[in-house]
Amino acid sequence: MPRFYFDLVDSRGLHRDLIGDEFHSFEEARAQAQALLGDIAREDLSDGQSHTTACDLRDDGDRLVFHGEITYRGTRFPG
């Protein structure tokens, strides 16, 4: 099975995946990247601030095969 690596980029910087995980297909790995972004968004949104989080998916040859990004902007109005 092919191995894929999930590198995360957020306000704290780049978090490079050095271990990776095996998936049957690119589609399965992409679905995992999308789920990961959703999980991170739920955690980061708890403070109500603006956030952008990205996940770069690399294959075993260190080639970028997918880039997913979520941006959230929250504005609190007085009153």
C-alpha atoms as a PDB file:
ATOM      1  CA  MET A   1       0.000   0.000   0.000  1.00  0.00           C
ATOM      2  CA  PRO A   2       1.226   3.504  -0.738  1.00  0.00           C
ATOM      3  CA  ARG A   3       2.352   5.727   2.134  1.00  0.00           C
ATOM      4  CA  PHE A   4       1.197   9.337   2.439  1.00  0.00           C
ATOM      5  CA  TYR A   5       2.379  12.159   4.688  1.00  0.00           C
ATOM      6  CA  PHE A   6       0.180  14.894   6.158  1.00  0.00           C
ATOM      7  CA  ASP A   7       1.981  18.206   6.678  1.00  0.00           C
ATOM      8  CA  LEU A   8      -0.008  20.816   8.591  1.00  0.00           C
ATOM      9  CA  VAL A   9       0.431  24.568   8.318  1.00  0.00           C
ATOM     10  CA  ASP A  10      -1.274  26.846  10.833  1.00  0.00           C
ATOM     11  CA  SER A  11      -0.613  29.998  12.848  1.00  0.00           C
ATOM     12  CA  ARG A  12       2.055  28.123  14.811  1.00  0.00           C
ATOM     13  CA  GLY A  13       3.985  27.180  11.665  1.00  0.00           C
ATOM     14  CA  LEU A  14       4.721  24.030   9.668  1.00  0.00           C
ATOM     15  CA  HIS A  15       4.257  20.634  11.283  1.00  0.00           C
ATOM     16  CA  ARG A  16       5.897  18.123   8.935  1.00  0.00           C
ATOM     17  CA  ASP A  17       4.726  14.506   9.120  1.00  0.00           C
ATOM     18  CA  LEU A  18       7.817  12.309   9.333  1.00  0.00           C
ATOM     19  CA  ILE A  19       6.002   8.988   9.819  1.00  0.00           C
ATOM     20  CA  GLY A  20       3.125   8.970   7.348  1.00  0.00           C
ATOM     21  CA  ASP A  21       0.392   6.389   7.019  1.00  0.00           C
ATOM     22  CA  GLU A  22      -0.538   3.746   4.476  1.00  0.00           C
ATOM     23  CA  PHE A  23      -3.738   3.939   2.437  1.00  0.00           C
ATOM     24  CA  HIS A  24      -5.178   1.783  -0.319  1.00  0.00           C
ATOM     25  CA  SER A  25      -5.502   4.772  -2.651  1.00  0.00           C
ATOM     26  CA  PHE A  26      -4.946   8.484  -3.089  1.00  0.00           C
ATOM     27  CA  GLU A  27      -8.701   8.994  -2.638  1.00  0.00           C
ATOM     28  CA  GLU A  28      -8.577   7.419   0.841  1.00  0.00           C
ATOM     29  CA  ALA A  29      -5.597   9.564   1.821  1.00  0.00           C
ATOM     30  CA  ARG A  30      -7.318  12.711   0.518  1.00  0.00           C
ATOM     31  CA  ALA A  31     -10.455  11.876   2.503  1.00  0.00           C
ATOM     32  CA  GLN A  32      -8.287  11.528   5.611  1.00  0.00           C
ATOM     33  CA  ALA A  33      -6.674  14.927   4.933  1.00  0.00           C
ATOM     34  CA  GLN A  34     -10.121  16.510   4.606  1.00  0.00           C
ATOM     35  CA  ALA A  35     -11.309  14.876   7.832  1.00  0.00           C
ATOM     36  CA  LEU A  36      -8.157  16.035   9.597  1.00  0.00           C
ATOM     37  CA  LEU A  37      -8.807  19.633   8.529  1.00  0.00           C
ATOM     38  CA  GLY A  38     -12.348  19.382   9.872  1.00  0.00           C
ATOM     39  CA  ASP A  39     -11.116  18.059  13.223  1.00  0.00           C
ATOM     40  CA  ILE A  40      -8.523  20.806  13.531  1.00  0.00           C
ATOM     41  CA  ALA A  41     -11.068  23.473  12.600  1.00  0.00           C
ATOM     42  CA  ARG A  42     -13.418  22.321  15.373  1.00  0.00           C
ATOM     43  CA  GLU A  43     -10.602  22.540  17.930  1.00  0.00           C
ATOM     44  CA  ASP A  44      -9.203  25.890  16.762  1.00  0.00           C
ATOM     45  CA  LEU A  45     -12.573  27.615  16.383  1.00  0.00           C
ATOM     46  CA  SER A  46     -13.337  27.331  20.080  1.00  0.00           C
ATOM     47  CA  ASP A  47     -11.590  30.663  20.732  1.00  0.00           C
ATOM     48  CA  GLY A  48     -13.723  32.520  18.144  1.00  0.00           C
ATOM     49  CA  GLN A  49     -10.701  34.026  16.393  1.00  0.00           C
ATOM     50  CA  SER A  50      -9.768  33.944  12.707  1.00  0.00           C
ATOM     51  CA  HIS A  51      -7.788  30.903  11.575  1.00  0.00           C
ATOM     52  CA  THR A  52      -6.347  29.401   8.423  1.00  0.00           C
ATOM     53  CA  THR A  53      -5.172  25.809   8.502  1.00  0.00           C
ATOM     54  CA  ALA A  54      -3.783  23.851   5.567  1.00  0.00           C
ATOM     55  CA  CYS A  55      -2.887  20.227   4.993  1.00  0.00           C
ATOM     56  CA  ASP A  56      -0.370  19.274   2.335  1.00  0.00           C
ATOM     57  CA  LEU A  57      -0.507  15.628   1.350  1.00  0.00           C
ATOM     58  CA  ARG A  58       2.754  14.143   0.081  1.00  0.00           C
ATOM     59  CA  ASP A  59       3.350  10.731  -1.453  1.00  0.00           C
ATOM     60  CA  ASP A  60       6.231   8.370  -0.713  1.00  0.00           C
ATOM     61  CA  GLY A  61       8.334  10.144  -3.361  1.00  0.00           C
ATOM     62  CA  ASP A  62       7.958  13.408  -1.368  1.00  0.00           C
ATOM     63  CA  ARG A  63       5.762  14.889  -4.125  1.00  0.00           C
ATOM     64  CA  LEU A  64       2.894  17.176  -3.170  1.00  0.00           C
ATOM     65  CA  VAL A  65      -0.290  15.437  -4.371  1.00  0.00           C
ATOM     66  CA  PHE A  66      -3.013  17.449  -2.604  1.00  0.00           C
ATOM     67  CA  HIS A  67      -3.416  20.767  -0.793  1.00  0.00           C
ATOM     68  CA  GLY A  68      -6.455  21.418   1.359  1.00  0.00           C
ATOM     69  CA  GLU A  69      -7.091  24.643   3.236  1.00  0.00           C
ATOM     70  CA  ILE A  70      -9.770  25.925   5.589  1.00  0.00           C
ATOM     71  CA  THR A  71     -10.119  29.585   6.535  1.00  0.00           C
ATOM     72  CA  TYR A  72     -12.447  30.767   9.284  1.00  0.00           C
ATOM     73  CA  ARG A  73     -13.148  34.389  10.107  1.00  0.00           C
ATOM     74  CA  GLY A  74     -15.272  35.315  13.074  1.00  0.00           C
ATOM     75  CA  THR A  75     -16.315  38.837  13.997  1.00  0.00           C
ATOM     76  CA  ARG A  76     -17.898  39.797  17.280  1.00  0.00           C
ATOM     77  CA  PHE A  77     -20.044  42.912  17.238  1.00  0.00           C
ATOM     78  CA  PRO A  78     -20.503  45.054  20.331  1.00  0.00           C
ATOM     79  CA  GLY A  79     -23.856  45.259  21.960  1.00  0.00           C
END
